[in-house]
Amino acid sequence: MGSATFLEIILAIILPPLGVFLRYECKTEFWICLLLTIFGYLPGIIYAVYVITK
């Protein structure tokens, strides 16, 4: 796990869509994460960390 991944995970915990955006830009993963974060902060975090680490 590199420093970029560590930073993305920290950002994914603080603001989930931002961490996913840094990795995938405006692809489907970002929009799913944004939608999950709007509906609930915890689902957004879980999805963001999952997508970044997969």
C-alpha atoms as a PDB file:
ATOM      1  CA  MET A   1       0.000   0.000   0.000  1.00  0.00           C
ATOM      2  CA  GLY A   2       1.628   3.218  -1.148  1.00  0.00           C
ATOM      3  CA  SER A   3       1.331   6.702   0.262  1.00  0.00           C
ATOM      4  CA  ALA A   4      -1.156   7.709  -2.447  1.00  0.00           C
ATOM      5  CA  THR A   5      -3.485   4.891  -1.421  1.00  0.00           C
ATOM      6  CA  PHE A   6      -3.121   5.856   2.254  1.00  0.00           C
ATOM      7  CA  LEU A   7      -4.046   9.456   1.454  1.00  0.00           C
ATOM      8  CA  GLU A   8      -7.020   8.341  -0.643  1.00  0.00           C
ATOM      9  CA  ILE A   9      -8.287   6.143   2.210  1.00  0.00           C
ATOM     10  CA  ILE A  10      -7.992   9.007   4.695  1.00  0.00           C
ATOM     11  CA  LEU A  11      -9.885  11.288   2.300  1.00  0.00           C
ATOM     12  CA  ALA A  12     -12.470   8.544   1.746  1.00  0.00           C
ATOM     13  CA  ILE A  13     -13.151   8.460   5.475  1.00  0.00           C
ATOM     14  CA  ILE A  14     -13.389  12.251   5.779  1.00  0.00           C
ATOM     15  CA  LEU A  15     -15.211  12.941   2.496  1.00  0.00           C
ATOM     16  CA  PRO A  16     -15.947   9.711   0.590  1.00  0.00           C
ATOM     17  CA  PRO A  17     -16.613  11.094  -2.925  1.00  0.00           C
ATOM     18  CA  LEU A  18     -13.339  13.026  -2.898  1.00  0.00           C
ATOM     19  CA  GLY A  19     -11.250   9.913  -2.261  1.00  0.00           C
ATOM     20  CA  VAL A  20     -12.992   8.065  -5.091  1.00  0.00           C
ATOM     21  CA  PHE A  21     -12.736  11.092  -7.400  1.00  0.00           C
ATOM     22  CA  LEU A  22      -8.958  11.211  -7.001  1.00  0.00           C
ATOM     23  CA  ARG A  23      -8.708   7.594  -8.150  1.00  0.00           C
ATOM     24  CA  TYR A  24     -11.449   7.318 -10.805  1.00  0.00           C
ATOM     25  CA  GLU A  25     -12.347  10.927 -11.694  1.00  0.00           C
ATOM     26  CA  CYS A  26     -15.984  11.225 -12.930  1.00  0.00           C
ATOM     27  CA  LYS A  27     -16.570   7.582 -13.756  1.00  0.00           C
ATOM     28  CA  THR A  28     -19.389   5.407 -12.454  1.00  0.00           C
ATOM     29  CA  GLU A  29     -17.624   4.657  -9.152  1.00  0.00           C
ATOM     30  CA  PHE A  30     -17.620   8.351  -8.245  1.00  0.00           C
ATOM     31  CA  TRP A  31     -21.324   8.810  -8.939  1.00  0.00           C
ATOM     32  CA  ILE A  32     -22.261   5.687  -6.974  1.00  0.00           C
ATOM     33  CA  CYS A  33     -20.193   6.911  -4.046  1.00  0.00           C
ATOM     34  CA  LEU A  34     -21.745  10.370  -4.227  1.00  0.00           C
ATOM     35  CA  LEU A  35     -25.250   8.907  -4.247  1.00  0.00           C
ATOM     36  CA  LEU A  36     -24.491   6.597  -1.322  1.00  0.00           C
ATOM     37  CA  THR A  37     -22.988   9.475   0.636  1.00  0.00           C
ATOM     38  CA  ILE A  38     -26.088  11.592   0.044  1.00  0.00           C
ATOM     39  CA  PHE A  39     -28.321   8.785   1.300  1.00  0.00           C
ATOM     40  CA  GLY A  40     -26.083   7.978   4.248  1.00  0.00           C
ATOM     41  CA  TYR A  41     -22.581   8.912   5.279  1.00  0.00           C
ATOM     42  CA  LEU A  42     -21.593   5.418   6.472  1.00  0.00           C
ATOM     43  CA  PRO A  43     -22.559   3.595   3.230  1.00  0.00           C
ATOM     44  CA  GLY A  44     -20.533   6.180   1.312  1.00  0.00           C
ATOM     45  CA  ILE A  45     -17.469   5.529   3.475  1.00  0.00           C
ATOM     46  CA  ILE A  46     -17.771   1.755   3.186  1.00  0.00           C
ATOM     47  CA  TYR A  47     -18.148   1.891  -0.588  1.00  0.00           C
ATOM     48  CA  ALA A  48     -15.310   4.404  -1.012  1.00  0.00           C
ATOM     49  CA  VAL A  49     -12.834   2.356   1.019  1.00  0.00           C
ATOM     50  CA  TYR A  50     -13.901  -0.816  -0.800  1.00  0.00           C
ATOM     51  CA  VAL A  51     -13.467   0.747  -4.266  1.00  0.00           C
ATOM     52  CA  ILE A  52     -10.110   2.290  -3.428  1.00  0.00           C
ATOM     53  CA  THR A  53      -8.657  -0.901  -1.955  1.00  0.00           C
ATOM     54  CA  LYS A  54      -9.982  -3.401  -4.509  1.00  0.00           C
END
